């Protein structure tokens, strides 16, 4: 019976020597209040405090922008639809119309595989008035109508082709 009492005494002695636990309560977290109501979806109201951000963020559509987009779409498509041109020449001629991403994407294209060989009519734009940075152009060719995606980085920036989409079969 002496052994259990000795163990209890040692345990009590150790507990008395140990530092006391921190009994100070943690400070309460500060309450955060939003500065504006939060909208979780586009259909539930404004996404920006106090209203909406202007759709084009300073880039507006004018006739000069539309004319420039049509001109680039037609000229780029004319350079694209040349299956008989040597690959290096084709890529060099086309590169002036392309975004950096499109230049990389089309660098491995063999022009001999392009079905169209000429533009057959004027480009027609599909303008989204809320997006001054991009536009889609329908460009007719002898293989059907291609869709050309054009992008720009600012009101005065040149239009660049980002994608040629072939006609649907």
Protein backbone atom coordinates (compact mmCIF):
# COMPACT_ATOMS: atom_id res chain seq x y z
CA UNK A 1 0.00 0.00 0.00
CA UNK A 2 2.98 2.26 0.41
CA UNK A 3 3.72 2.22 -3.33
CA UNK A 4 0.41 3.73 -4.49
CA UNK A 5 0.64 6.48 -1.87
CA UNK A 6 4.18 7.27 -2.96
CA UNK A 7 3.11 7.54 -6.60
CA UNK A 8 0.25 9.87 -5.69
CA UNK A 9 2.61 12.03 -3.64
CA UNK A 10 5.08 12.27 -6.54
CA UNK A 11 2.28 13.17 -8.93
CA UNK A 12 1.02 15.92 -6.63
CA UNK A 13 4.54 17.26 -6.17
CA UNK A 14 5.10 17.39 -9.95
CA UNK A 15 1.77 19.12 -10.49
CA UNK A 16 2.66 21.73 -7.90
CA UNK A 17 6.00 22.47 -9.61
CA UNK A 18 4.53 22.78 -13.12
CA UNK A 19 3.74 26.27 -14.41
CA UNK A 20 0.11 27.26 -14.20
CA UNK A 21 -1.92 27.23 -17.41
CA UNK A 22 -2.95 30.49 -19.07
CA UNK A 23 -6.43 31.21 -17.82
CA UNK A 24 -6.69 34.64 -19.47
CA UNK A 25 -9.48 34.54 -22.05
CA UNK A 26 -8.53 35.13 -25.70
CA UNK A 27 -9.47 38.60 -26.97
CA UNK A 28 -12.63 38.54 -29.07
CA UNK A 29 -12.08 38.82 -32.83
CA UNK A 30 -13.01 42.23 -34.20
CA UNK A 31 -16.32 42.40 -35.97
CA UNK A 32 -15.91 43.00 -39.69
CA UNK A 33 -18.67 44.85 -41.46
CA UNK A 34 -18.77 45.17 -45.25
CA UNK A 35 -18.47 48.67 -46.66
CA UNK A 36 -21.09 47.88 -49.29
CA UNK A 37 -23.67 45.17 -49.82
CA UNK A 38 -22.25 42.07 -51.47
CA UNK A 39 -23.85 40.62 -54.58
CA UNK A 40 -23.15 36.95 -55.17
CA UNK A 41 -24.46 36.61 -58.71
CA UNK A 42 -24.85 38.75 -61.78
CA UNK A 43 -28.63 38.39 -61.72
CA UNK A 44 -29.01 39.60 -58.14
CA UNK A 45 -27.96 43.19 -58.75
CA UNK A 46 -24.94 45.44 -59.07
CA UNK A 47 -21.53 43.80 -58.70
CA UNK A 48 -19.71 47.00 -57.74
CA UNK A 49 -20.48 49.23 -54.75
CA UNK A 50 -22.82 52.04 -55.66
CA UNK A 51 -23.74 50.70 -59.10
CA UNK A 52 -21.98 49.11 -62.01
CA UNK A 53 -18.64 49.71 -63.68
CA UNK A 54 -19.05 51.20 -67.16
CA UNK A 55 -19.30 48.28 -69.57
CA UNK A 56 -16.55 49.35 -71.93
CA UNK A 57 -14.33 50.97 -69.30
CA UNK A 58 -13.54 53.93 -71.49
CA UNK A 59 -13.48 52.20 -74.87
CA UNK A 60 -16.43 53.15 -77.00
CA UNK A 61 -17.56 51.94 -80.37
CA UNK A 62 -17.48 54.50 -83.13
CA UNK A 63 -17.54 54.18 -86.90
CA UNK A 64 -13.76 54.46 -87.12
CA UNK A 65 -13.36 51.49 -84.71
CA UNK A 66 -15.81 49.41 -86.75
CA UNK A 67 -14.15 50.34 -90.06
CA UNK A 68 -10.71 49.46 -88.69
CA UNK A 69 -11.97 46.09 -87.40
CA UNK A 70 -13.55 45.24 -90.78
CA UNK A 71 -10.35 46.23 -92.59
CA UNK A 72 -8.13 44.05 -90.37
CA UNK A 73 -10.54 41.08 -90.56
CA UNK A 74 -10.60 41.18 -94.37
CA UNK A 75 -6.84 41.69 -94.80
CA UNK A 76 -5.95 39.04 -92.21
CA UNK A 77 -8.34 36.55 -93.81
CA UNK A 78 -6.83 37.31 -97.24
CA UNK A 79 -3.36 36.50 -95.86
CA UNK A 80 -4.70 33.42 -94.04
CA UNK A 81 -6.57 31.88 -97.00
CA UNK A 82 -3.54 31.19 -99.21
CA UNK A 83 -2.98 27.44 -99.25
CA UNK A 84 -0.46 27.64 -102.11
CA UNK A 85 2.02 29.89 -100.31
CA UNK A 86 5.23 28.48 -98.80
CA UNK A 87 4.88 27.99 -94.99
CA UNK A 88 7.51 30.50 -93.87
CA UNK A 89 6.22 33.25 -96.16
CA UNK A 90 2.62 32.51 -95.10
CA UNK A 91 3.51 32.71 -91.38
CA UNK A 92 5.52 35.92 -91.82
CA UNK A 93 2.76 37.65 -93.80
CA UNK A 94 0.07 36.57 -91.34
CA UNK A 95 1.99 37.48 -88.17
CA UNK A 96 1.46 41.23 -88.61
CA UNK A 97 -2.29 40.73 -88.04
CA UNK A 98 -2.07 38.38 -85.05
CA UNK A 99 -2.01 38.69 -81.27
CA UNK A 100 1.07 37.16 -79.64
CA UNK A 101 -1.00 34.12 -78.60
CA UNK A 102 -2.37 33.65 -82.12
CA UNK A 103 1.14 33.96 -83.56
CA UNK A 104 2.20 31.04 -81.37
CA UNK A 105 -0.98 29.07 -82.14
CA UNK A 106 -0.72 29.42 -85.92
CA UNK A 107 3.05 28.99 -86.20
CA UNK A 108 2.68 25.25 -86.77
CA UNK A 109 -0.17 25.48 -89.31
CA UNK A 110 0.54 24.17 -92.79
CA UNK A 111 -1.24 26.59 -95.16
CA UNK A 112 -1.79 23.72 -97.61
CA UNK A 113 -4.43 22.42 -95.17
CA UNK A 114 -6.54 25.60 -95.28
CA UNK A 115 -9.63 24.97 -97.41
CA UNK A 116 -10.27 28.57 -98.48
CA UNK A 117 -8.12 30.30 -101.05
CA UNK A 118 -9.68 33.77 -101.27
CA UNK A 119 -12.05 36.21 -99.60
CA UNK A 120 -15.30 36.49 -101.57
CA UNK A 121 -17.06 39.41 -99.88
CA UNK A 122 -16.94 42.07 -97.17
CA UNK A 123 -16.59 41.20 -93.49
CA UNK A 124 -19.66 41.67 -91.32
CA UNK A 125 -19.13 42.58 -87.66
CA UNK A 126 -21.06 41.21 -84.72
CA UNK A 127 -20.56 44.08 -82.26
CA UNK A 128 -21.23 43.78 -78.55
CA UNK A 129 -21.66 47.44 -77.55
CA UNK A 130 -20.70 46.53 -73.96
CA UNK A 131 -17.30 45.21 -75.06
CA UNK A 132 -15.02 47.75 -76.68
CA UNK A 133 -12.04 45.38 -76.51
CA UNK A 134 -13.23 42.64 -78.85
CA UNK A 135 -15.42 41.87 -81.83
CA UNK A 136 -16.31 38.93 -84.04
CA UNK A 137 -16.26 39.28 -87.83
CA UNK A 138 -17.86 36.93 -90.37
CA UNK A 139 -15.64 36.83 -93.46
CA UNK A 140 -16.91 34.96 -96.54
CA UNK A 141 -14.41 32.84 -98.46
CA UNK A 142 -14.66 30.39 -101.33
CA UNK A 143 -14.76 27.62 -98.65
CA UNK A 144 -17.55 29.23 -96.59
CA UNK A 145 -17.74 31.93 -93.95
CA UNK A 146 -14.96 32.09 -91.39
CA UNK A 147 -15.44 33.72 -88.00
CA UNK A 148 -12.53 35.97 -87.06
CA UNK A 149 -12.07 37.07 -83.44
CA UNK A 150 -10.42 40.49 -83.17
CA UNK A 151 -9.02 42.07 -80.00
CA UNK A 152 -7.52 45.42 -79.06
CA UNK A 153 -5.95 46.74 -75.88
CA UNK A 154 -7.26 50.31 -76.03
CA UNK A 155 -9.28 52.84 -78.03
CA UNK A 156 -6.31 53.81 -80.20
CA UNK A 157 -4.69 50.34 -80.30
CA UNK A 158 -4.64 48.34 -83.52
CA UNK A 159 -7.03 45.43 -83.93
CA UNK A 160 -5.32 42.05 -83.86
CA UNK A 161 -6.70 38.64 -84.84
CA UNK A 162 -6.85 36.16 -82.00
CA UNK A 163 -8.60 33.29 -83.76
CA UNK A 164 -9.81 32.10 -87.19
CA UNK A 165 -12.74 29.70 -86.89
CA UNK A 166 -13.47 27.73 -90.08
CA UNK A 167 -16.96 27.41 -91.54
CA UNK A 168 -19.25 24.78 -90.08
CA UNK A 169 -19.53 21.69 -92.24
